[in-house]
Amino acid sequence: MIRGLVLAGGKSSRFGSNKAVASYQGVRLIERAVSLLNELDLKPIVAVRKDMDYPFLKCVAIHDKLPDQGPLGGIYTAMTMFKKTPFLVLTCDMPRLTPSALAELLARHETHSLITAYSTRDETPQPFPAVYEPVLLGAVREKLKCGNLSMHDLFDRTPTKKLIPWKGESNIFININSTQALKILETLSSD
């Protein structure tokens, strides 16, 4: 059974404060991400730093076993704790994601593809949202051991099922890295 994993353990250094609790359309970003996974009955897990806690989420929170390792660190932690579980992974800072985008990704998922992801029109894979199979644990561990935290490198080294670009809104995969970007997105959403 696939579970949902929200990566929310970043430093938010470009954002200036903890972006997971920033609001978009009146809802905290992290709550929005968890809600998406709940809508699809994916029993969400949130990966966070040791100094973070979100008791208001009412879901499983796990602390990164290896601090400051980016998204790979959160994925690694989840895979070591839930060894046989594939994860639909998303980040907490993608407020335009929709349940239908995630549902299509799940419908197109095949277990023999170690990563199932969307790709851009130029066939660049999008690391989030994506389904990561548990057999990737060894590759993730090796990348962490070598200090190579690149998600795109993981794609390059893994048999990946690349999906056709999402046909809906073009900004569905936007992630928020600054308060200014969040304000702009809010403005665009209200038009």
N, C-alpha and C. Protein backbone atom coordinates (compact mmCIF):
# COMPACT_ATOMS: atom_id res chain seq x y z
N MET A 1 0.83 -1.18 0.00
CA MET A 1 0.00 0.00 0.00
C MET A 1 0.88 1.25 0.00
N ILE A 2 0.60 2.15 -0.91
CA ILE A 2 1.34 3.41 -1.00
C ILE A 2 0.90 4.34 0.13
N ARG A 3 1.87 4.99 0.74
CA ARG A 3 1.59 6.02 1.75
C ARG A 3 2.07 7.36 1.22
N GLY A 4 1.52 8.41 1.78
CA GLY A 4 1.94 9.76 1.42
C GLY A 4 3.05 10.23 2.33
N LEU A 5 4.00 10.95 1.76
CA LEU A 5 5.10 11.52 2.53
C LEU A 5 5.24 12.99 2.16
N VAL A 6 5.13 13.85 3.16
CA VAL A 6 5.33 15.29 2.97
C VAL A 6 6.70 15.64 3.52
N LEU A 7 7.53 16.23 2.68
CA LEU A 7 8.84 16.70 3.12
C LEU A 7 8.70 18.12 3.64
N ALA A 8 8.98 18.30 4.93
CA ALA A 8 8.81 19.61 5.56
C ALA A 8 9.94 19.91 6.53
N GLY A 9 11.12 19.39 6.25
CA GLY A 9 12.24 19.56 7.17
C GLY A 9 13.30 20.53 6.70
N GLY A 10 12.99 21.30 5.67
CA GLY A 10 13.98 22.24 5.15
C GLY A 10 14.22 23.42 6.07
N LYS A 11 15.30 24.12 5.81
CA LYS A 11 15.67 25.28 6.63
C LYS A 11 14.88 26.53 6.28
N SER A 12 14.27 26.58 5.10
CA SER A 12 13.52 27.75 4.63
C SER A 12 14.38 29.01 4.63
N SER A 13 15.67 28.87 4.34
CA SER A 13 16.58 30.02 4.43
C SER A 13 16.22 31.11 3.43
N ARG A 14 15.81 30.77 2.22
CA ARG A 14 15.41 31.79 1.25
C ARG A 14 14.07 32.41 1.62
N PHE A 15 13.24 31.65 2.31
CA PHE A 15 11.92 32.14 2.69
C PHE A 15 12.01 33.13 3.86
N GLY A 16 12.97 32.91 4.76
CA GLY A 16 13.17 33.81 5.89
C GLY A 16 12.50 33.37 7.17
N SER A 17 11.60 32.42 7.09
CA SER A 17 10.93 31.84 8.26
C SER A 17 10.45 30.46 7.84
N ASN A 18 9.87 29.72 8.77
CA ASN A 18 9.42 28.36 8.46
C ASN A 18 8.26 28.41 7.47
N LYS A 19 8.54 28.11 6.21
CA LYS A 19 7.49 28.22 5.19
C LYS A 19 6.39 27.18 5.34
N ALA A 20 6.66 26.09 6.03
CA ALA A 20 5.63 25.07 6.21
C ALA A 20 4.39 25.63 6.90
N VAL A 21 4.57 26.62 7.75
CA VAL A 21 3.43 27.20 8.47
C VAL A 21 2.93 28.50 7.84
N ALA A 22 3.52 28.91 6.72
CA ALA A 22 3.02 30.07 5.99
C ALA A 22 1.66 29.72 5.39
N SER A 23 0.80 30.71 5.26
CA SER A 23 -0.55 30.46 4.75
C SER A 23 -0.67 30.80 3.27
N TYR A 24 -1.44 29.97 2.59
CA TYR A 24 -1.83 30.20 1.20
C TYR A 24 -3.34 30.02 1.16
N GLN A 25 -4.04 31.06 0.76
CA GLN A 25 -5.50 31.06 0.74
C GLN A 25 -6.08 30.65 2.10
N GLY A 26 -5.43 31.14 3.16
CA GLY A 26 -5.93 30.93 4.51
C GLY A 26 -5.61 29.58 5.14
N VAL A 27 -4.82 28.76 4.46
CA VAL A 27 -4.47 27.43 4.98
C VAL A 27 -2.95 27.31 5.02
N ARG A 28 -2.43 26.80 6.14
CA ARG A 28 -0.98 26.60 6.22
C ARG A 28 -0.54 25.62 5.13
N LEU A 29 0.63 25.90 4.55
CA LEU A 29 1.14 25.06 3.46
C LEU A 29 1.24 23.59 3.85
N ILE A 30 1.74 23.33 5.04
CA ILE A 30 1.90 21.94 5.47
C ILE A 30 0.54 21.26 5.65
N GLU A 31 -0.45 21.99 6.13
CA GLU A 31 -1.80 21.42 6.28
C GLU A 31 -2.41 21.11 4.92
N ARG A 32 -2.16 21.98 3.96
CA ARG A 32 -2.66 21.78 2.60
C ARG A 32 -2.09 20.48 2.01
N ALA A 33 -0.79 20.27 2.19
CA ALA A 33 -0.14 19.06 1.65
C ALA A 33 -0.69 17.80 2.32
N VAL A 34 -0.81 17.83 3.63
CA VAL A 34 -1.34 16.67 4.36
C VAL A 34 -2.78 16.40 3.95
N SER A 35 -3.55 17.45 3.77
CA SER A 35 -4.95 17.30 3.35
C SER A 35 -5.06 16.62 1.98
N LEU A 36 -4.18 16.99 1.05
CA LEU A 36 -4.19 16.34 -0.27
C LEU A 36 -4.01 14.83 -0.13
N LEU A 37 -3.06 14.44 0.70
CA LEU A 37 -2.79 13.01 0.88
C LEU A 37 -3.94 12.32 1.61
N ASN A 38 -4.55 13.00 2.57
CA ASN A 38 -5.71 12.43 3.26
C ASN A 38 -6.87 12.22 2.30
N GLU A 39 -7.07 13.16 1.37
CA GLU A 39 -8.16 13.02 0.39
C GLU A 39 -8.03 11.74 -0.42
N LEU A 40 -6.80 11.29 -0.60
CA LEU A 40 -6.55 10.08 -1.38
C LEU A 40 -6.33 8.85 -0.49
N ASP A 41 -6.61 8.99 0.81
CA ASP A 41 -6.45 7.90 1.78
C ASP A 41 -5.04 7.31 1.78
N LEU A 42 -4.03 8.18 1.76
CA LEU A 42 -2.65 7.73 1.70
C LEU A 42 -1.93 7.77 3.04
N LYS A 43 -2.67 7.90 4.13
CA LYS A 43 -2.09 7.86 5.48
C LYS A 43 -0.79 8.67 5.56
N PRO A 44 -0.89 9.99 5.53
CA PRO A 44 0.30 10.83 5.43
C PRO A 44 1.28 10.71 6.59
N ILE A 45 2.54 10.85 6.22
CA ILE A 45 3.66 10.94 7.14
C ILE A 45 4.35 12.26 6.80
N VAL A 46 4.80 12.98 7.81
CA VAL A 46 5.51 14.23 7.58
C VAL A 46 6.94 14.07 8.08
N ALA A 47 7.91 14.32 7.21
CA ALA A 47 9.33 14.25 7.58
C ALA A 47 9.81 15.65 7.94
N VAL A 48 10.33 15.80 9.16
CA VAL A 48 10.74 17.11 9.67
C VAL A 48 12.10 17.03 10.35
N ARG A 49 12.70 18.20 10.60
CA ARG A 49 13.94 18.25 11.38
C ARG A 49 13.62 17.93 12.83
N LYS A 50 14.67 17.59 13.57
CA LYS A 50 14.49 17.23 14.99
C LYS A 50 13.93 18.38 15.83
N ASP A 51 14.18 19.62 15.42
CA ASP A 51 13.71 20.76 16.19
C ASP A 51 12.31 21.22 15.78
N MET A 52 11.63 20.46 14.94
CA MET A 52 10.30 20.84 14.47
C MET A 52 9.25 19.87 15.00
N ASP A 53 8.06 20.39 15.17
CA ASP A 53 6.94 19.56 15.60
C ASP A 53 5.66 20.24 15.14
N TYR A 54 4.73 19.48 14.62
CA TYR A 54 3.47 20.00 14.13
C TYR A 54 2.31 19.19 14.70
N PRO A 55 2.05 19.31 16.02
CA PRO A 55 1.00 18.48 16.63
C PRO A 55 -0.40 18.75 16.07
N PHE A 56 -0.60 19.91 15.48
CA PHE A 56 -1.91 20.24 14.92
C PHE A 56 -2.24 19.40 13.68
N LEU A 57 -1.28 18.70 13.12
CA LEU A 57 -1.52 17.93 11.90
C LEU A 57 -2.26 16.62 12.15
N LYS A 58 -2.13 16.05 13.31
CA LYS A 58 -2.79 14.79 13.63
C LYS A 58 -2.44 13.69 12.61
N CYS A 59 -1.14 13.57 12.34
CA CYS A 59 -0.65 12.48 11.50
C CYS A 59 0.74 12.11 11.99
N VAL A 60 1.29 11.06 11.46
CA VAL A 60 2.62 10.60 11.87
C VAL A 60 3.67 11.61 11.43
N ALA A 61 4.53 12.01 12.37
CA ALA A 61 5.68 12.87 12.05
C ALA A 61 6.95 12.09 12.36
N ILE A 62 7.89 12.14 11.45
CA ILE A 62 9.17 11.47 11.67
C ILE A 62 10.28 12.51 11.58
N HIS A 63 11.29 12.34 12.42
CA HIS A 63 12.42 13.28 12.43
C HIS A 63 13.55 12.73 11.56
N ASP A 64 14.11 13.61 10.75
CA ASP A 64 15.21 13.22 9.87
C ASP A 64 16.32 12.53 10.66
N LYS A 65 16.69 11.34 10.23
CA LYS A 65 17.80 10.62 10.88
C LYS A 65 19.13 11.27 10.55
N LEU A 66 19.24 11.84 9.37
CA LEU A 66 20.46 12.51 8.93
C LEU A 66 20.13 13.97 8.66
N PRO A 67 20.51 14.88 9.56
CA PRO A 67 20.14 16.28 9.38
C PRO A 67 20.81 16.93 8.17
N ASP A 68 20.15 17.93 7.64
CA ASP A 68 20.68 18.78 6.57
C ASP A 68 21.04 18.00 5.30
N GLN A 69 20.23 17.03 4.96
CA GLN A 69 20.48 16.23 3.75
C GLN A 69 19.41 16.46 2.69
N GLY A 70 18.63 17.53 2.85
CA GLY A 70 17.64 17.88 1.85
C GLY A 70 16.55 16.83 1.70
N PRO A 71 15.85 16.87 0.57
CA PRO A 71 14.76 15.92 0.34
C PRO A 71 15.19 14.46 0.45
N LEU A 72 16.40 14.14 -0.01
CA LEU A 72 16.86 12.75 0.09
C LEU A 72 16.91 12.27 1.53
N GLY A 73 17.26 13.17 2.46
CA GLY A 73 17.30 12.80 3.87
C GLY A 73 15.93 12.41 4.40
N GLY A 74 14.90 13.15 4.00
CA GLY A 74 13.54 12.83 4.42
C GLY A 74 13.05 11.52 3.82
N ILE A 75 13.35 11.32 2.54
CA ILE A 75 12.97 10.08 1.87
C ILE A 75 13.69 8.90 2.51
N TYR A 76 14.97 9.07 2.78
CA TYR A 76 15.77 8.02 3.43
C TYR A 76 15.16 7.64 4.79
N THR A 77 14.84 8.64 5.58
CA THR A 77 14.27 8.38 6.91
C THR A 77 12.98 7.58 6.79
N ALA A 78 12.09 7.99 5.90
CA ALA A 78 10.82 7.28 5.72
C ALA A 78 11.06 5.84 5.25
N MET A 79 11.96 5.68 4.30
CA MET A 79 12.22 4.34 3.77
C MET A 79 12.85 3.41 4.80
N THR A 80 13.65 3.95 5.71
CA THR A 80 14.25 3.09 6.74
C THR A 80 13.24 2.73 7.82
N MET A 81 12.25 3.58 8.03
CA MET A 81 11.24 3.31 9.06
C MET A 81 10.08 2.45 8.54
N PHE A 82 9.78 2.56 7.26
CA PHE A 82 8.68 1.83 6.64
C PHE A 82 9.26 1.08 5.44
N LYS A 83 10.01 0.03 5.71
CA LYS A 83 10.89 -0.61 4.73
C LYS A 83 10.22 -1.14 3.46
N LYS A 84 9.02 -1.58 3.53
CA LYS A 84 8.37 -2.18 2.36
C LYS A 84 7.31 -1.28 1.75
N THR A 85 7.34 -0.02 2.10
CA THR A 85 6.28 0.90 1.70
C THR A 85 6.72 1.83 0.57
N PRO A 86 5.98 1.83 -0.55
CA PRO A 86 6.23 2.87 -1.55
C PRO A 86 5.60 4.17 -1.06
N PHE A 87 6.19 5.29 -1.44
CA PHE A 87 5.70 6.59 -0.99
C PHE A 87 5.37 7.50 -2.16
N LEU A 88 4.21 8.15 -2.07
CA LEU A 88 3.93 9.30 -2.93
C LEU A 88 4.49 10.49 -2.17
N VAL A 89 5.57 11.07 -2.69
CA VAL A 89 6.29 12.12 -1.99
C VAL A 89 5.97 13.48 -2.60
N LEU A 90 5.66 14.43 -1.73
CA LEU A 90 5.52 15.81 -2.15
C LEU A 90 6.15 16.71 -1.11
N THR A 91 6.40 17.92 -1.50
CA THR A 91 6.98 18.88 -0.56
C THR A 91 5.86 19.74 -0.01
N CYS A 92 6.13 20.36 1.13
CA CYS A 92 5.08 21.16 1.77
C CYS A 92 4.87 22.50 1.06
N ASP A 93 5.75 22.85 0.13
CA ASP A 93 5.71 24.19 -0.46
C ASP A 93 5.17 24.21 -1.89
N MET A 94 4.25 23.31 -2.21
CA MET A 94 3.66 23.25 -3.55
C MET A 94 2.14 23.45 -3.44
N PRO A 95 1.71 24.68 -3.16
CA PRO A 95 0.29 24.91 -2.85
C PRO A 95 -0.67 24.73 -4.01
N ARG A 96 -0.19 24.63 -5.24
CA ARG A 96 -1.09 24.50 -6.38
C ARG A 96 -1.37 23.05 -6.77
N LEU A 97 -0.75 22.10 -6.10
CA LEU A 97 -1.03 20.69 -6.39
C LEU A 97 -2.51 20.40 -6.15
N THR A 98 -3.05 19.48 -6.91
CA THR A 98 -4.45 19.12 -6.78
C THR A 98 -4.59 17.62 -6.53
N PRO A 99 -5.70 17.22 -5.93
CA PRO A 99 -5.94 15.78 -5.77
C PRO A 99 -5.95 15.05 -7.10
N SER A 100 -6.48 15.68 -8.15
CA SER A 100 -6.55 14.99 -9.45
C SER A 100 -5.15 14.75 -10.03
N ALA A 101 -4.22 15.67 -9.81
CA ALA A 101 -2.85 15.47 -10.29
C ALA A 101 -2.21 14.29 -9.57
N LEU A 102 -2.44 14.20 -8.27
CA LEU A 102 -1.88 13.09 -7.50
C LEU A 102 -2.57 11.78 -7.86
N ALA A 103 -3.89 11.83 -8.05
CA ALA A 103 -4.64 10.62 -8.41
C ALA A 103 -4.17 10.06 -9.75
N GLU A 104 -3.91 10.95 -10.71
CA GLU A 104 -3.43 10.47 -12.01
C GLU A 104 -2.05 9.83 -11.88
N LEU A 105 -1.20 10.43 -11.07
CA LEU A 105 0.13 9.86 -10.84
C LEU A 105 0.01 8.45 -10.25
N LEU A 106 -0.89 8.29 -9.29
CA LEU A 106 -1.11 6.97 -8.68
C LEU A 106 -1.67 5.98 -9.71
N ALA A 107 -2.59 6.45 -10.55
CA ALA A 107 -3.18 5.57 -11.56
C ALA A 107 -2.15 5.11 -12.58
N ARG A 108 -1.17 5.94 -12.86
CA ARG A 108 -0.14 5.62 -13.86
C ARG A 108 1.04 4.86 -13.25
N HIS A 109 1.06 4.75 -11.92
CA HIS A 109 2.16 4.09 -11.22
C HIS A 109 2.21 2.61 -11.54
N GLU A 110 3.42 2.12 -11.75
CA GLU A 110 3.65 0.69 -11.95
C GLU A 110 4.81 0.31 -11.05
N THR A 111 4.64 -0.77 -10.29
CA THR A 111 5.65 -1.12 -9.29
C THR A 111 7.01 -1.46 -9.89
N HIS A 112 7.06 -1.87 -11.15
CA HIS A 112 8.37 -2.17 -11.74
C HIS A 112 9.15 -0.90 -12.08
N SER A 113 8.48 0.25 -12.11
CA SER A 113 9.17 1.53 -12.26
C SER A 113 9.56 1.99 -10.87
N LEU A 114 10.83 2.15 -10.62
CA LEU A 114 11.28 2.50 -9.28
C LEU A 114 10.87 3.90 -8.87
N ILE A 115 10.71 4.77 -9.85
CA ILE A 115 10.18 6.12 -9.61
C ILE A 115 9.13 6.37 -10.67
N THR A 116 7.96 6.83 -10.26
CA THR A 116 6.92 7.24 -11.19
C THR A 116 6.71 8.72 -10.99
N ALA A 117 6.93 9.51 -12.05
CA ALA A 117 6.91 10.96 -11.90
C ALA A 117 6.35 11.63 -13.15
N TYR A 118 5.99 12.88 -12.99
CA TYR A 118 5.64 13.70 -14.15
C TYR A 118 6.93 14.20 -14.78
N SER A 119 6.83 14.59 -16.04
CA SER A 119 7.97 15.23 -16.70
C SER A 119 7.48 16.48 -17.40
N THR A 120 8.41 17.40 -17.62
CA THR A 120 8.08 18.63 -18.34
C THR A 120 8.01 18.31 -19.83
N ARG A 121 7.63 19.30 -20.60
CA ARG A 121 7.52 19.09 -22.05
C ARG A 121 8.86 18.69 -22.66
N ASP A 122 9.97 19.12 -22.05
CA ASP A 122 11.28 18.73 -22.57
C ASP A 122 11.78 17.42 -21.93
N GLU A 123 10.87 16.71 -21.29
CA GLU A 123 11.11 15.40 -20.69
C GLU A 123 12.00 15.42 -19.46
N THR A 124 12.13 16.57 -18.82
CA THR A 124 12.85 16.65 -17.55
C THR A 124 11.93 16.13 -16.45
N PRO A 125 12.34 15.10 -15.72
CA PRO A 125 11.47 14.57 -14.67
C PRO A 125 11.31 15.56 -13.52
N GLN A 126 10.11 15.60 -12.97
CA GLN A 126 9.82 16.42 -11.80
C GLN A 126 9.93 15.53 -10.57
N PRO A 127 10.85 15.83 -9.65
CA PRO A 127 11.02 14.94 -8.49
C PRO A 127 9.84 14.93 -7.53
N PHE A 128 9.01 15.97 -7.59
CA PHE A 128 7.85 16.05 -6.70
C PHE A 128 6.67 16.64 -7.45
N PRO A 129 5.50 16.05 -7.29
CA PRO A 129 5.23 14.81 -6.59
C PRO A 129 5.71 13.62 -7.42
N ALA A 130 6.02 12.55 -6.75
CA ALA A 130 6.44 11.32 -7.43
C ALA A 130 6.29 10.15 -6.47
N VAL A 131 6.15 8.96 -7.05
CA VAL A 131 6.08 7.74 -6.26
C VAL A 131 7.47 7.11 -6.28
N TYR A 132 7.99 6.84 -5.09
CA TYR A 132 9.30 6.22 -4.93
C TYR A 132 9.12 4.84 -4.31
N GLU A 133 9.66 3.82 -4.98
CA GLU A 133 9.54 2.44 -4.51
C GLU A 133 10.58 2.16 -3.42
N PRO A 134 10.26 1.28 -2.46
CA PRO A 134 11.16 1.02 -1.34
C PRO A 134 12.50 0.40 -1.74
N VAL A 135 12.57 -0.25 -2.89
CA VAL A 135 13.84 -0.85 -3.31
C VAL A 135 14.89 0.21 -3.64
N LEU A 136 14.49 1.46 -3.69
CA LEU A 136 15.44 2.56 -3.92
C LEU A 136 16.28 2.89 -2.69
N LEU A 137 15.96 2.30 -1.55
CA LEU A 137 16.66 2.64 -0.31
C LEU A 137 18.18 2.54 -0.47
N GLY A 138 18.66 1.49 -1.09
CA GLY A 138 20.11 1.32 -1.26
C GLY A 138 20.72 2.45 -2.07
N ALA A 139 20.07 2.84 -3.16
CA ALA A 139 20.57 3.93 -4.00
C ALA A 139 20.54 5.25 -3.25
N VAL A 140 19.48 5.49 -2.49
CA VAL A 140 19.38 6.72 -1.69
C VAL A 140 20.48 6.74 -0.64
N ARG A 141 20.66 5.63 0.05
CA ARG A 141 21.71 5.54 1.07
C ARG A 141 23.09 5.83 0.46
N GLU A 142 23.36 5.26 -0.70
CA GLU A 142 24.65 5.46 -1.37
C GLU A 142 24.86 6.93 -1.77
N LYS A 143 23.81 7.56 -2.28
CA LYS A 143 23.91 8.97 -2.64
C LYS A 143 24.21 9.83 -1.41
N LEU A 144 23.55 9.53 -0.31
CA LEU A 144 23.80 10.28 0.93
C LEU A 144 25.23 10.05 1.42
N LYS A 145 25.69 8.82 1.34
CA LYS A 145 27.04 8.49 1.78
C LYS A 145 28.09 9.27 0.96
N CYS A 146 27.81 9.46 -0.33
CA CYS A 146 28.73 10.19 -1.21
C CYS A 146 28.54 11.71 -1.15
N GLY A 147 27.52 12.16 -0.42
CA GLY A 147 27.25 13.59 -0.35
C GLY A 147 26.58 14.15 -1.59
N ASN A 148 26.04 13.29 -2.43
CA ASN A 148 25.35 13.72 -3.65
C ASN A 148 23.85 13.79 -3.34
N LEU A 149 23.36 15.00 -3.11
CA LEU A 149 21.97 15.19 -2.69
C LEU A 149 21.03 15.52 -3.85
N SER A 150 21.50 15.43 -5.07
CA SER A 150 20.71 15.81 -6.23
C SER A 150 19.60 14.81 -6.52
N MET A 151 18.37 15.29 -6.51
CA MET A 151 17.24 14.44 -6.87
C MET A 151 17.30 14.09 -8.36
N HIS A 152 17.71 15.04 -9.19
CA HIS A 152 17.78 14.76 -10.63
C HIS A 152 18.82 13.69 -10.93
N ASP A 153 19.90 13.65 -10.17
CA ASP A 153 20.89 12.59 -10.35
C ASP A 153 20.29 11.23 -9.99
N LEU A 154 19.45 11.20 -8.97
CA LEU A 154 18.77 9.95 -8.62
C LEU A 154 17.93 9.47 -9.80
N PHE A 155 17.22 10.41 -10.45
CA PHE A 155 16.43 10.05 -11.63
C PHE A 155 17.33 9.52 -12.74
N ASP A 156 18.45 10.20 -12.97
CA ASP A 156 19.36 9.80 -14.05
C ASP A 156 19.89 8.38 -13.85
N ARG A 157 20.02 7.96 -12.60
CA ARG A 157 20.62 6.66 -12.30
C ARG A 157 19.58 5.56 -12.04
N THR A 158 18.31 5.89 -12.21
CA THR A 158 17.23 4.96 -11.87
C THR A 158 16.30 4.74 -13.05
N PRO A 159 15.89 3.48 -13.30
CA PRO A 159 14.86 3.27 -14.33
C PRO A 159 13.58 4.00 -13.91
N THR A 160 13.22 5.00 -14.67
CA THR A 160 12.11 5.86 -14.29
C THR A 160 11.04 5.83 -15.36
N LYS A 161 9.80 5.75 -14.94
CA LYS A 161 8.70 5.89 -15.88
C LYS A 161 8.37 7.37 -15.95
N LYS A 162 8.68 7.98 -17.04
CA LYS A 162 8.38 9.40 -17.21
C LYS A 162 6.97 9.53 -17.78
N LEU A 163 6.18 10.35 -17.16
CA LEU A 163 4.80 10.51 -17.62
C LEU A 163 4.69 11.75 -18.49
N ILE A 164 3.63 11.78 -19.26
CA ILE A 164 3.39 12.96 -20.09
C ILE A 164 3.16 14.17 -19.19
N PRO A 165 3.45 15.35 -19.69
CA PRO A 165 3.25 16.54 -18.86
C PRO A 165 1.79 16.66 -18.41
N TRP A 166 1.63 17.21 -17.24
CA TRP A 166 0.30 17.46 -16.72
C TRP A 166 -0.44 18.39 -17.66
N LYS A 167 -1.66 18.04 -18.02
CA LYS A 167 -2.43 18.80 -19.01
C LYS A 167 -3.21 19.95 -18.39
N GLY A 168 -3.25 20.03 -17.08
CA GLY A 168 -4.02 21.08 -16.41
C GLY A 168 -3.24 22.38 -16.31
N GLU A 169 -3.43 23.07 -15.20
CA GLU A 169 -2.79 24.36 -14.99
C GLU A 169 -1.27 24.24 -15.10
N SER A 170 -0.67 25.21 -15.77
CA SER A 170 0.77 25.14 -16.00
C SER A 170 1.58 25.37 -14.73
N ASN A 171 1.00 26.02 -13.73
CA ASN A 171 1.77 26.33 -12.51
C ASN A 171 1.51 25.36 -11.36
N ILE A 172 1.02 24.19 -11.68
CA ILE A 172 0.66 23.24 -10.62
C ILE A 172 1.88 22.73 -9.84
N PHE A 173 3.05 22.72 -10.47
CA PHE A 173 4.24 22.19 -9.82
C PHE A 173 5.13 23.28 -9.20
N ILE A 174 4.65 24.50 -9.16
CA ILE A 174 5.43 25.60 -8.58
C ILE A 174 5.65 25.34 -7.09
N ASN A 175 6.90 25.51 -6.66
CA ASN A 175 7.15 25.47 -5.22
C ASN A 175 7.56 26.87 -4.77
N ILE A 176 7.21 27.18 -3.55
CA ILE A 176 7.38 28.52 -3.00
C ILE A 176 8.69 28.59 -2.22
N ASN A 177 9.57 29.52 -2.63
CA ASN A 177 10.84 29.67 -1.94
C ASN A 177 11.04 31.04 -1.30
N SER A 178 10.07 31.94 -1.46
CA SER A 178 10.19 33.26 -0.84
C SER A 178 8.80 33.78 -0.50
N THR A 179 8.75 34.70 0.44
CA THR A 179 7.47 35.31 0.80
C THR A 179 6.91 36.09 -0.39
N GLN A 180 7.80 36.68 -1.17
CA GLN A 180 7.36 37.42 -2.35
C GLN A 180 6.69 36.48 -3.36
N ALA A 181 7.27 35.32 -3.59
CA ALA A 181 6.67 34.35 -4.51
C ALA A 181 5.30 33.90 -4.01
N LEU A 182 5.17 33.72 -2.70
CA LEU A 182 3.88 33.33 -2.12
C LEU A 182 2.84 34.42 -2.35
N LYS A 183 3.24 35.68 -2.14
CA LYS A 183 2.31 36.80 -2.37
C LYS A 183 1.89 36.89 -3.83
N ILE A 184 2.83 36.70 -4.73
CA ILE A 184 2.51 36.74 -6.16
C ILE A 184 1.54 35.62 -6.52
N LEU A 185 1.78 34.44 -6.01
CA LEU A 185 0.89 33.31 -6.28
C LEU A 185 -0.50 33.55 -5.72
N GLU A 186 -0.56 34.14 -4.53
CA GLU A 186 -1.87 34.50 -3.94
C GLU A 186 -2.61 35.47 -4.85
N THR A 187 -1.89 36.47 -5.36
CA THR A 187 -2.49 37.47 -6.24
C THR A 187 -3.00 36.82 -7.52
N LEU A 188 -2.20 35.96 -8.11
CA LEU A 188 -2.62 35.27 -9.34
C LEU A 188 -3.83 34.38 -9.09
N SER A 189 -3.89 33.77 -7.93
CA SER A 189 -5.00 32.87 -7.60
C SER A 189 -6.30 33.62 -7.40
N SER A 190 -6.21 34.89 -6.99
CA SER A 190 -7.43 35.65 -6.72
C SER A 190 -7.98 36.31 -7.97
N ASP A 191 -7.20 36.30 -9.06
CA ASP A 191 -7.67 36.89 -10.33
C ASP A 191 -8.66 36.01 -11.03
